[in-house]
């Protein structure tokens, strides 16, 4: 479950990203200059990383903290974090 503050920040960030994507689509349709398209795309990627940080923060604060208190769930928590780490480095 997301904390209310992180939920609000995450939804806000996701809406910004949606707007950025809409802008990029329109720019592609207008056949804008490639470096400008790439700048917009890279900006979206940075925004997604910011959203990822919000979501990871929430996961660590809520779920991982609880899982680490239960010896039966420690392996699951570690596995989830390793999977996230691996995906973020591909």
PDB file of N, CA and C in Angstrom:
ATOM      1  N   UNK A   1       0.843  -1.178   0.000  1.00  0.00           N
ATOM      2  CA  UNK A   1       0.000   0.000   0.000  1.00  0.00           C
ATOM      3  C   UNK A   1       0.889   1.242   0.000  1.00  0.00           C
ATOM      4  N   UNK A   2       0.538   2.203  -0.804  1.00  0.00           N
ATOM      5  CA  UNK A   2       1.283   3.453  -0.866  1.00  0.00           C
ATOM      6  C   UNK A   2       0.903   4.361   0.298  1.00  0.00           C
ATOM      7  N   UNK A   3       1.905   5.031   0.872  1.00  0.00           N
ATOM      8  CA  UNK A   3       1.563   6.072   1.840  1.00  0.00           C
ATOM      9  C   UNK A   3       0.853   7.165   1.059  1.00  0.00           C
ATOM     10  N   UNK A   4       0.005   7.911   1.713  1.00  0.00           N
ATOM     11  CA  UNK A   4      -0.783   8.931   1.012  1.00  0.00           C
ATOM     12  C   UNK A   4       0.101  10.006   0.381  1.00  0.00           C
ATOM     13  N   UNK A   5       1.165  10.400   1.085  1.00  0.00           N
ATOM     14  CA  UNK A   5       2.065  11.421   0.529  1.00  0.00           C
ATOM     15  C   UNK A   5       2.781  10.896  -0.715  1.00  0.00           C
ATOM     16  N   UNK A   6       3.300   9.673  -0.644  1.00  0.00           N
ATOM     17  CA  UNK A   6       3.984   9.095  -1.802  1.00  0.00           C
ATOM     18  C   UNK A   6       3.000   8.807  -2.928  1.00  0.00           C
ATOM     19  N   UNK A   7       1.787   8.424  -2.580  1.00  0.00           N
ATOM     20  CA  UNK A   7       0.774   8.191  -3.605  1.00  0.00           C
ATOM     21  C   UNK A   7       0.502   9.481  -4.369  1.00  0.00           C
ATOM     22  N   UNK A   8       0.327  10.573  -3.638  1.00  0.00           N
ATOM     23  CA  UNK A   8       0.058  11.865  -4.263  1.00  0.00           C
ATOM     24  C   UNK A   8       1.225  12.286  -5.164  1.00  0.00           C
ATOM     25  N   UNK A   9       2.445  12.144  -4.660  1.00  0.00           N
ATOM     26  CA  UNK A   9       3.627  12.503  -5.456  1.00  0.00           C
ATOM     27  C   UNK A   9       3.755  11.618  -6.686  1.00  0.00           C
ATOM     28  N   UNK A  10       3.476  10.322  -6.524  1.00  0.00           N
ATOM     29  CA  UNK A  10       3.610   9.379  -7.635  1.00  0.00           C
ATOM     30  C   UNK A  10       2.573   9.637  -8.722  1.00  0.00           C
ATOM     31  N   UNK A  11       1.344   9.885  -8.326  1.00  0.00           N
ATOM     32  CA  UNK A  11       0.292  10.178  -9.302  1.00  0.00           C
ATOM     33  C   UNK A  11       0.619  11.477 -10.036  1.00  0.00           C
ATOM     34  N   UNK A  12       1.079  12.481  -9.295  1.00  0.00           N
ATOM     35  CA  UNK A  12       1.460  13.753  -9.911  1.00  0.00           C
ATOM     36  C   UNK A  12       2.573  13.542 -10.939  1.00  0.00           C
ATOM     37  N   UNK A  13       3.596  12.779 -10.564  1.00  0.00           N
ATOM     38  CA  UNK A  13       4.722  12.512 -11.466  1.00  0.00           C
ATOM     39  C   UNK A  13       4.239  11.736 -12.688  1.00  0.00           C
ATOM     40  N   UNK A  14       3.361  10.750 -12.504  1.00  0.00           N
ATOM     41  CA  UNK A  14       2.848   9.958 -13.627  1.00  0.00           C
ATOM     42  C   UNK A  14       2.052  10.821 -14.596  1.00  0.00           C
ATOM     43  N   UNK A  15       1.289  11.771 -14.075  1.00  0.00           N
ATOM     44  CA  UNK A  15       0.529  12.670 -14.945  1.00  0.00           C
ATOM     45  C   UNK A  15       1.457  13.585 -15.742  1.00  0.00           C
ATOM     46  N   UNK A  16       2.530  14.033 -15.115  1.00  0.00           N
ATOM     47  CA  UNK A  16       3.532  14.833 -15.835  1.00  0.00           C
ATOM     48  C   UNK A  16       4.138  14.005 -16.964  1.00  0.00           C
ATOM     49  N   UNK A  17       4.470  12.762 -16.659  1.00  0.00           N
ATOM     50  CA  UNK A  17       5.058  11.868 -17.667  1.00  0.00           C
ATOM     51  C   UNK A  17       4.080  11.645 -18.816  1.00  0.00           C
ATOM     52  N   UNK A  18       2.816  11.466 -18.495  1.00  0.00           N
ATOM     53  CA  UNK A  18       1.796  11.295 -19.541  1.00  0.00           C
ATOM     54  C   UNK A  18       1.775  12.528 -20.453  1.00  0.00           C
ATOM     55  N   UNK A  19       1.844  13.696 -19.863  1.00  0.00           N
ATOM     56  CA  UNK A  19       1.884  14.928 -20.660  1.00  0.00           C
ATOM     57  C   UNK A  19       3.129  15.005 -21.516  1.00  0.00           C
ATOM     58  N   UNK A  20       4.256  14.593 -20.947  1.00  0.00           N
ATOM     59  CA  UNK A  20       5.501  14.588 -21.717  1.00  0.00           C
ATOM     60  C   UNK A  20       5.403  13.626 -22.897  1.00  0.00           C
ATOM     61  N   UNK A  21       4.833  12.459 -22.663  1.00  0.00           N
ATOM     62  CA  UNK A  21       4.680  11.483 -23.748  1.00  0.00           C
ATOM     63  C   UNK A  21       3.755  12.005 -24.838  1.00  0.00           C
ATOM     64  N   UNK A  22       2.666  12.630 -24.436  1.00  0.00           N
ATOM     65  CA  UNK A  22       1.755  13.216 -25.427  1.00  0.00           C
ATOM     66  C   UNK A  22       2.488  14.267 -26.263  1.00  0.00           C
ATOM     67  N   UNK A  23       3.310  15.079 -25.588  1.00  0.00           N
ATOM     68  CA  UNK A  23       4.087  16.093 -26.304  1.00  0.00           C
ATOM     69  C   UNK A  23       5.079  15.472 -27.266  1.00  0.00           C
ATOM     70  N   UNK A  24       5.715  14.391 -26.852  1.00  0.00           N
ATOM     71  CA  UNK A  24       6.676  13.709 -27.717  1.00  0.00           C
ATOM     72  C   UNK A  24       5.978  13.108 -28.938  1.00  0.00           C
ATOM     73  N   UNK A  25       4.829  12.507 -28.732  1.00  0.00           N
ATOM     74  CA  UNK A  25       4.075  11.937 -29.856  1.00  0.00           C
ATOM     75  C   UNK A  25       3.738  13.015 -30.875  1.00  0.00           C
ATOM     76  N   UNK A  26       3.264  14.145 -30.385  1.00  0.00           N
ATOM     77  CA  UNK A  26       2.933  15.246 -31.292  1.00  0.00           C
ATOM     78  C   UNK A  26       4.171  15.752 -32.027  1.00  0.00           C
ATOM     79  N   UNK A  27       5.284  15.818 -31.317  1.00  0.00           N
ATOM     80  CA  UNK A  27       6.526  16.281 -31.945  1.00  0.00           C
ATOM     81  C   UNK A  27       6.984  15.307 -33.030  1.00  0.00           C
ATOM     82  N   UNK A  28       6.828  14.025 -32.773  1.00  0.00           N
ATOM     83  CA  UNK A  28       7.182  13.013 -33.781  1.00  0.00           C
ATOM     84  C   UNK A  28       6.264  13.157 -34.996  1.00  0.00           C
ATOM     85  N   UNK A  29       4.982  13.331 -34.737  1.00  0.00           N
ATOM     86  CA  UNK A  29       4.029  13.487 -35.840  1.00  0.00           C
ATOM     87  C   UNK A  29       4.346  14.733 -36.676  1.00  0.00           C
ATOM     88  N   UNK A  30       4.853  15.778 -36.025  1.00  0.00           N
ATOM     89  CA  UNK A  30       5.228  17.003 -36.750  1.00  0.00           C
ATOM     90  C   UNK A  30       6.607  16.879 -37.407  1.00  0.00           C
ATOM     91  N   UNK A  31       7.241  15.724 -37.167  1.00  0.00           N
ATOM     92  CA  UNK A  31       8.570  15.436 -37.714  1.00  0.00           C
ATOM     93  C   UNK A  31       9.592  16.495 -37.297  1.00  0.00           C
ATOM     94  N   UNK A  32       9.582  16.805 -36.008  1.00  0.00           N
ATOM     95  CA  UNK A  32      10.553  17.767 -35.494  1.00  0.00           C
ATOM     96  C   UNK A  32      11.960  17.199 -35.605  1.00  0.00           C
ATOM     97  N   UNK A  33      12.927  18.067 -35.452  1.00  0.00           N
ATOM     98  CA  UNK A  33      14.343  17.738 -35.587  1.00  0.00           C
ATOM     99  C   UNK A  33      14.718  16.652 -34.570  1.00  0.00           C
ATOM    100  N   UNK A  34      15.433  15.626 -35.041  1.00  0.00           N
ATOM    101  CA  UNK A  34      15.748  14.440 -34.229  1.00  0.00           C
ATOM    102  C   UNK A  34      16.373  14.769 -32.860  1.00  0.00           C
ATOM    103  N   UNK A  35      17.362  15.665 -32.781  1.00  0.00           N
ATOM    104  CA  UNK A  35      17.919  15.960 -31.456  1.00  0.00           C
ATOM    105  C   UNK A  35      16.876  16.506 -30.479  1.00  0.00           C
ATOM    106  N   UNK A  36      15.896  17.253 -30.972  1.00  0.00           N
ATOM    107  CA  UNK A  36      14.836  17.750 -30.098  1.00  0.00           C
ATOM    108  C   UNK A  36      13.965  16.592 -29.599  1.00  0.00           C
ATOM    109  N   UNK A  37      13.703  15.637 -30.486  1.00  0.00           N
ATOM    110  CA  UNK A  37      12.931  14.460 -30.081  1.00  0.00           C
ATOM    111  C   UNK A  37      13.692  13.658 -29.031  1.00  0.00           C
ATOM    112  N   UNK A  38      14.979  13.512 -29.251  1.00  0.00           N
ATOM    113  CA  UNK A  38      15.806  12.764 -28.299  1.00  0.00           C
ATOM    114  C   UNK A  38      15.862  13.465 -26.946  1.00  0.00           C
ATOM    115  N   UNK A  39      15.942  14.778 -26.943  1.00  0.00           N
ATOM    116  CA  UNK A  39      15.942  15.522 -25.679  1.00  0.00           C
ATOM    117  C   UNK A  39      14.639  15.285 -24.921  1.00  0.00           C
ATOM    118  N   UNK A  40      13.527  15.307 -25.637  1.00  0.00           N
ATOM    119  CA  UNK A  40      12.237  15.049 -24.993  1.00  0.00           C
ATOM    120  C   UNK A  40      12.179  13.621 -24.451  1.00  0.00           C
ATOM    121  N   UNK A  41      12.672  12.676 -25.229  1.00  0.00           N
ATOM    122  CA  UNK A  41      12.675  11.284 -24.799  1.00  0.00           C
ATOM    123  C   UNK A  41      13.541  11.096 -23.552  1.00  0.00           C
ATOM    124  N   UNK A  42      14.699  11.706 -23.537  1.00  0.00           N
ATOM    125  CA  UNK A  42      15.586  11.592 -22.374  1.00  0.00           C
ATOM    126  C   UNK A  42      14.980  12.256 -21.140  1.00  0.00           C
ATOM    127  N   UNK A  43      14.262  13.336 -21.348  1.00  0.00           N
ATOM    128  CA  UNK A  43      13.576  13.993 -20.241  1.00  0.00           C
ATOM    129  C   UNK A  43      12.515  13.072 -19.646  1.00  0.00           C
ATOM    130  N   UNK A  44      11.801  12.374 -20.498  1.00  0.00           N
ATOM    131  CA  UNK A  44      10.787  11.415 -20.040  1.00  0.00           C
ATOM    132  C   UNK A  44      11.456  10.298 -19.245  1.00  0.00           C
ATOM    133  N   UNK A  45      12.588   9.827 -19.721  1.00  0.00           N
ATOM    134  CA  UNK A  45      13.301   8.771 -19.009  1.00  0.00           C
ATOM    135  C   UNK A  45      13.733   9.228 -17.614  1.00  0.00           C
ATOM    136  N   UNK A  46      14.198  10.468 -17.501  1.00  0.00           N
ATOM    137  CA  UNK A  46      14.560  11.011 -16.182  1.00  0.00           C
ATOM    138  C   UNK A  46      13.332  11.091 -15.279  1.00  0.00           C
ATOM    139  N   UNK A  47      12.219  11.490 -15.844  1.00  0.00           N
ATOM    140  CA  UNK A  47      10.984  11.562 -15.068  1.00  0.00           C
ATOM    141  C   UNK A  47      10.545  10.178 -14.592  1.00  0.00           C
ATOM    142  N   UNK A  48      10.703   9.185 -15.445  1.00  0.00           N
ATOM    143  CA  UNK A  48      10.363   7.816 -15.051  1.00  0.00           C
ATOM    144  C   UNK A  48      11.264   7.338 -13.919  1.00  0.00           C
ATOM    145  N   UNK A  49      12.546   7.700 -13.978  1.00  0.00           N
ATOM    146  CA  UNK A  49      13.462   7.315 -12.899  1.00  0.00           C
ATOM    147  C   UNK A  49      13.053   7.977 -11.587  1.00  0.00           C
ATOM    148  N   UNK A  50      12.567   9.208 -11.671  1.00  0.00           N
ATOM    149  CA  UNK A  50      12.078   9.897 -10.481  1.00  0.00           C
ATOM    150  C   UNK A  50      10.864   9.167  -9.910  1.00  0.00           C
ATOM    151  N   UNK A  51       9.960   8.755 -10.773  1.00  0.00           N
ATOM    152  CA  UNK A  51       8.795   7.988 -10.336  1.00  0.00           C
ATOM    153  C   UNK A  51       9.240   6.658  -9.719  1.00  0.00           C
ATOM    154  N   UNK A  52      10.201   6.009 -10.347  1.00  0.00           N
ATOM    155  CA  UNK A  52      10.733   4.753  -9.801  1.00  0.00           C
ATOM    156  C   UNK A  52      11.240   4.954  -8.380  1.00  0.00           C
ATOM    157  N   UNK A  53      11.921   6.065  -8.143  1.00  0.00           N
ATOM    158  CA  UNK A  53      12.453   6.347  -6.804  1.00  0.00           C
ATOM    159  C   UNK A  53      11.333   6.503  -5.783  1.00  0.00           C
ATOM    160  N   UNK A  54      10.253   7.186  -6.154  1.00  0.00           N
ATOM    161  CA  UNK A  54       9.111   7.320  -5.242  1.00  0.00           C
ATOM    162  C   UNK A  54       8.547   5.953  -4.893  1.00  0.00           C
ATOM    163  N   UNK A  55       8.351   5.115  -5.915  1.00  0.00           N
ATOM    164  CA  UNK A  55       7.753   3.805  -5.702  1.00  0.00           C
ATOM    165  C   UNK A  55       8.670   2.888  -4.887  1.00  0.00           C
ATOM    166  N   UNK A  56       9.963   2.959  -5.160  1.00  0.00           N
ATOM    167  CA  UNK A  56      10.916   2.154  -4.393  1.00  0.00           C
ATOM    168  C   UNK A  56      10.954   2.606  -2.939  1.00  0.00           C
ATOM    169  N   UNK A  57      10.938   3.911  -2.730  1.00  0.00           N
ATOM    170  CA  UNK A  57      10.917   4.445  -1.362  1.00  0.00           C
ATOM    171  C   UNK A  57       9.722   3.883  -0.598  1.00  0.00           C
ATOM    172  N   UNK A  58       8.561   3.913  -1.215  1.00  0.00           N
ATOM    173  CA  UNK A  58       7.371   3.388  -0.559  1.00  0.00           C
ATOM    174  C   UNK A  58       7.524   1.898  -0.259  1.00  0.00           C
ATOM    175  N   UNK A  59       8.043   1.153  -1.217  1.00  0.00           N
ATOM    176  CA  UNK A  59       8.192  -0.293  -1.025  1.00  0.00           C
ATOM    177  C   UNK A  59       9.131  -0.585   0.141  1.00  0.00           C
ATOM    178  N   UNK A  60      10.218   0.152   0.223  1.00  0.00           N
ATOM    179  CA  UNK A  60      11.177  -0.061   1.307  1.00  0.00           C
ATOM    180  C   UNK A  60      10.567   0.294   2.662  1.00  0.00           C
ATOM    181  N   UNK A  61       9.865   1.421   2.704  1.00  0.00           N
ATOM    182  CA  UNK A  61       9.279   1.881   3.959  1.00  0.00           C
ATOM    183  C   UNK A  61       8.184   0.945   4.454  1.00  0.00           C
ATOM    184  N   UNK A  62       7.388   0.452   3.548  1.00  0.00           N
ATOM    185  CA  UNK A  62       6.232  -0.349   3.973  1.00  0.00           C
ATOM    186  C   UNK A  62       6.508  -1.844   3.894  1.00  0.00           C
ATOM    187  N   UNK A  63       6.558  -2.370   2.710  1.00  0.00           N
ATOM    188  CA  UNK A  63       6.623  -3.822   2.538  1.00  0.00           C
ATOM    189  C   UNK A  63       7.934  -4.444   2.992  1.00  0.00           C
ATOM    190  N   UNK A  64       9.054  -3.889   2.583  1.00  0.00           N
ATOM    191  CA  UNK A  64      10.340  -4.512   2.920  1.00  0.00           C
ATOM    192  C   UNK A  64      10.571  -4.478   4.428  1.00  0.00           C
ATOM    193  N   UNK A  65      10.231  -3.356   5.049  1.00  0.00           N
ATOM    194  CA  UNK A  65      10.394  -3.268   6.509  1.00  0.00           C
ATOM    195  C   UNK A  65       9.628  -4.397   7.195  1.00  0.00           C
ATOM    196  N   UNK A  66       8.387  -4.609   6.775  1.00  0.00           N
ATOM    197  CA  UNK A  66       7.579  -5.674   7.374  1.00  0.00           C
ATOM    198  C   UNK A  66       8.138  -7.053   7.045  1.00  0.00           C
ATOM    199  N   UNK A  67       8.571  -7.257   5.811  1.00  0.00           N
ATOM    200  CA  UNK A  67       9.090  -8.565   5.415  1.00  0.00           C
ATOM    201  C   UNK A  67      10.372  -8.906   6.180  1.00  0.00           C
ATOM    202  N   UNK A  68      11.199  -7.914   6.454  1.00  0.00           N
ATOM    203  CA  UNK A  68      12.459  -8.174   7.138  1.00  0.00           C
ATOM    204  C   UNK A  68      12.237  -8.535   8.610  1.00  0.00           C
ATOM    205  N   UNK A  69      11.089  -8.198   9.148  1.00  0.00           N
ATOM    206  CA  UNK A  69      10.756  -8.560  10.538  1.00  0.00           C
ATOM    207  C   UNK A  69      10.307 -10.015  10.653  1.00  0.00           C
ATOM    208  N   UNK A  70       9.923 -10.597   9.543  1.00  0.00           N
ATOM    209  CA  UNK A  70       9.425 -11.974   9.521  1.00  0.00           C
ATOM    210  C   UNK A  70      10.468 -12.845   8.819  1.00  0.00           C
ATOM    211  N   UNK A  71      11.139 -13.694   9.581  1.00  0.00           N
ATOM    212  CA  UNK A  71      12.238 -14.492   9.027  1.00  0.00           C
ATOM    213  C   UNK A  71      11.798 -15.349   7.840  1.00  0.00           C
ATOM    214  N   UNK A  72      10.516 -15.669   7.760  1.00  0.00           N
ATOM    215  CA  UNK A  72      10.016 -16.474   6.654  1.00  0.00           C
ATOM    216  C   UNK A  72       9.883 -15.655   5.362  1.00  0.00           C
ATOM    217  N   UNK A  73       9.872 -14.325   5.479  1.00  0.00           N
ATOM    218  CA  UNK A  73       9.679 -13.466   4.308  1.00  0.00           C
ATOM    219  C   UNK A  73      10.940 -12.732   3.871  1.00  0.00           C
ATOM    220  N   UNK A  74      12.031 -12.910   4.594  1.00  0.00           N
ATOM    221  CA  UNK A  74      13.275 -12.216   4.263  1.00  0.00           C
ATOM    222  C   UNK A  74      13.751 -12.590   2.860  1.00  0.00           C
ATOM    223  N   UNK A  75      13.714 -13.864   2.540  1.00  0.00           N
ATOM    224  CA  UNK A  75      14.166 -14.321   1.231  1.00  0.00           C
ATOM    225  C   UNK A  75      13.342 -13.685   0.115  1.00  0.00           C
ATOM    226  N   UNK A  76      12.033 -13.567   0.326  1.00  0.00           N
ATOM    227  CA  UNK A  76      11.161 -12.932  -0.663  1.00  0.00           C
ATOM    228  C   UNK A  76      11.544 -11.470  -0.854  1.00  0.00           C
ATOM    229  N   UNK A  77      11.766 -10.760   0.248  1.00  0.00           N
ATOM    230  CA  UNK A  77      12.130  -9.339   0.174  1.00  0.00           C
ATOM    231  C   UNK A  77      13.439  -9.152  -0.582  1.00  0.00           C
ATOM    232  N   UNK A  78      14.416  -9.963  -0.260  1.00  0.00           N
ATOM    233  CA  UNK A  78      15.715  -9.865  -0.934  1.00  0.00           C
ATOM    234  C   UNK A  78      15.566 -10.183  -2.415  1.00  0.00           C
ATOM    235  N   UNK A  79      14.796 -11.205  -2.740  1.00  0.00           N
ATOM    236  CA  UNK A  79      14.565 -11.575  -4.141  1.00  0.00           C
ATOM    237  C   UNK A  79      13.917 -10.451  -4.934  1.00  0.00           C
ATOM    238  N   UNK A  80      12.923  -9.786  -4.325  1.00  0.00           N
ATOM    239  CA  UNK A  80      12.259  -8.664  -4.998  1.00  0.00           C
ATOM    240  C   UNK A  80      13.239  -7.526  -5.269  1.00  0.00           C
ATOM    241  N   UNK A  81      14.046  -7.215  -4.271  1.00  0.00           N
ATOM    242  CA  UNK A  81      15.004  -6.111  -4.440  1.00  0.00           C
ATOM    243  C   UNK A  81      16.072  -6.439  -5.480  1.00  0.00           C
ATOM    244  N   UNK A  82      16.517  -7.675  -5.505  1.00  0.00           N
ATOM    245  CA  UNK A  82      17.495  -8.085  -6.519  1.00  0.00           C
ATOM    246  C   UNK A  82      16.872  -8.005  -7.906  1.00  0.00           C
ATOM    247  N   UNK A  83      15.615  -8.433  -8.051  1.00  0.00           N
ATOM    248  CA  UNK A  83      14.933  -8.364  -9.344  1.00  0.00           C
ATOM    249  C   UNK A  83      14.792  -6.908  -9.806  1.00  0.00           C
ATOM    250  N   UNK A  84      14.423  -6.023  -8.906  1.00  0.00           N
ATOM    251  CA  UNK A  84      14.314  -4.608  -9.243  1.00  0.00           C
ATOM    252  C   UNK A  84      15.673  -4.041  -9.623  1.00  0.00           C
ATOM    253  N   UNK A  85      16.691  -4.368  -8.849  1.00  0.00           N
ATOM    254  CA  UNK A  85      18.049  -3.897  -9.143  1.00  0.00           C
ATOM    255  C   UNK A  85      18.508  -4.388 -10.517  1.00  0.00           C
ATOM    256  N   UNK A  86      18.263  -5.651 -10.806  1.00  0.00           N
ATOM    257  CA  UNK A  86      18.668  -6.221 -12.092  1.00  0.00           C
ATOM    258  C   UNK A  86      17.960  -5.533 -13.247  1.00  0.00           C
ATOM    259  N   UNK A  87      16.654  -5.331 -13.114  1.00  0.00           N
ATOM    260  CA  UNK A  87      15.900  -4.650 -14.164  1.00  0.00           C
ATOM    261  C   UNK A  87      16.377  -3.213 -14.382  1.00  0.00           C
ATOM    262  N   UNK A  88      16.747  -2.555 -13.298  1.00  0.00           N
ATOM    263  CA  UNK A  88      17.159  -1.154 -13.417  1.00  0.00           C
ATOM    264  C   UNK A  88      18.537  -1.018 -14.062  1.00  0.00           C
ATOM    265  N   UNK A  89      19.271  -2.096 -14.153  1.00  0.00           N
ATOM    266  CA  UNK A  89      20.616  -2.036 -14.736  1.00  0.00           C
ATOM    267  C   UNK A  89      20.723  -2.698 -16.090  1.00  0.00           C
ATOM    268  N   UNK A  90      19.604  -2.948 -16.715  1.00  0.00           N
ATOM    269  CA  UNK A  90      19.628  -3.538 -18.066  1.00  0.00           C
ATOM    270  C   UNK A  90      19.703  -2.448 -19.095  1.00  0.00           C
TER     271      UNK A  90
END
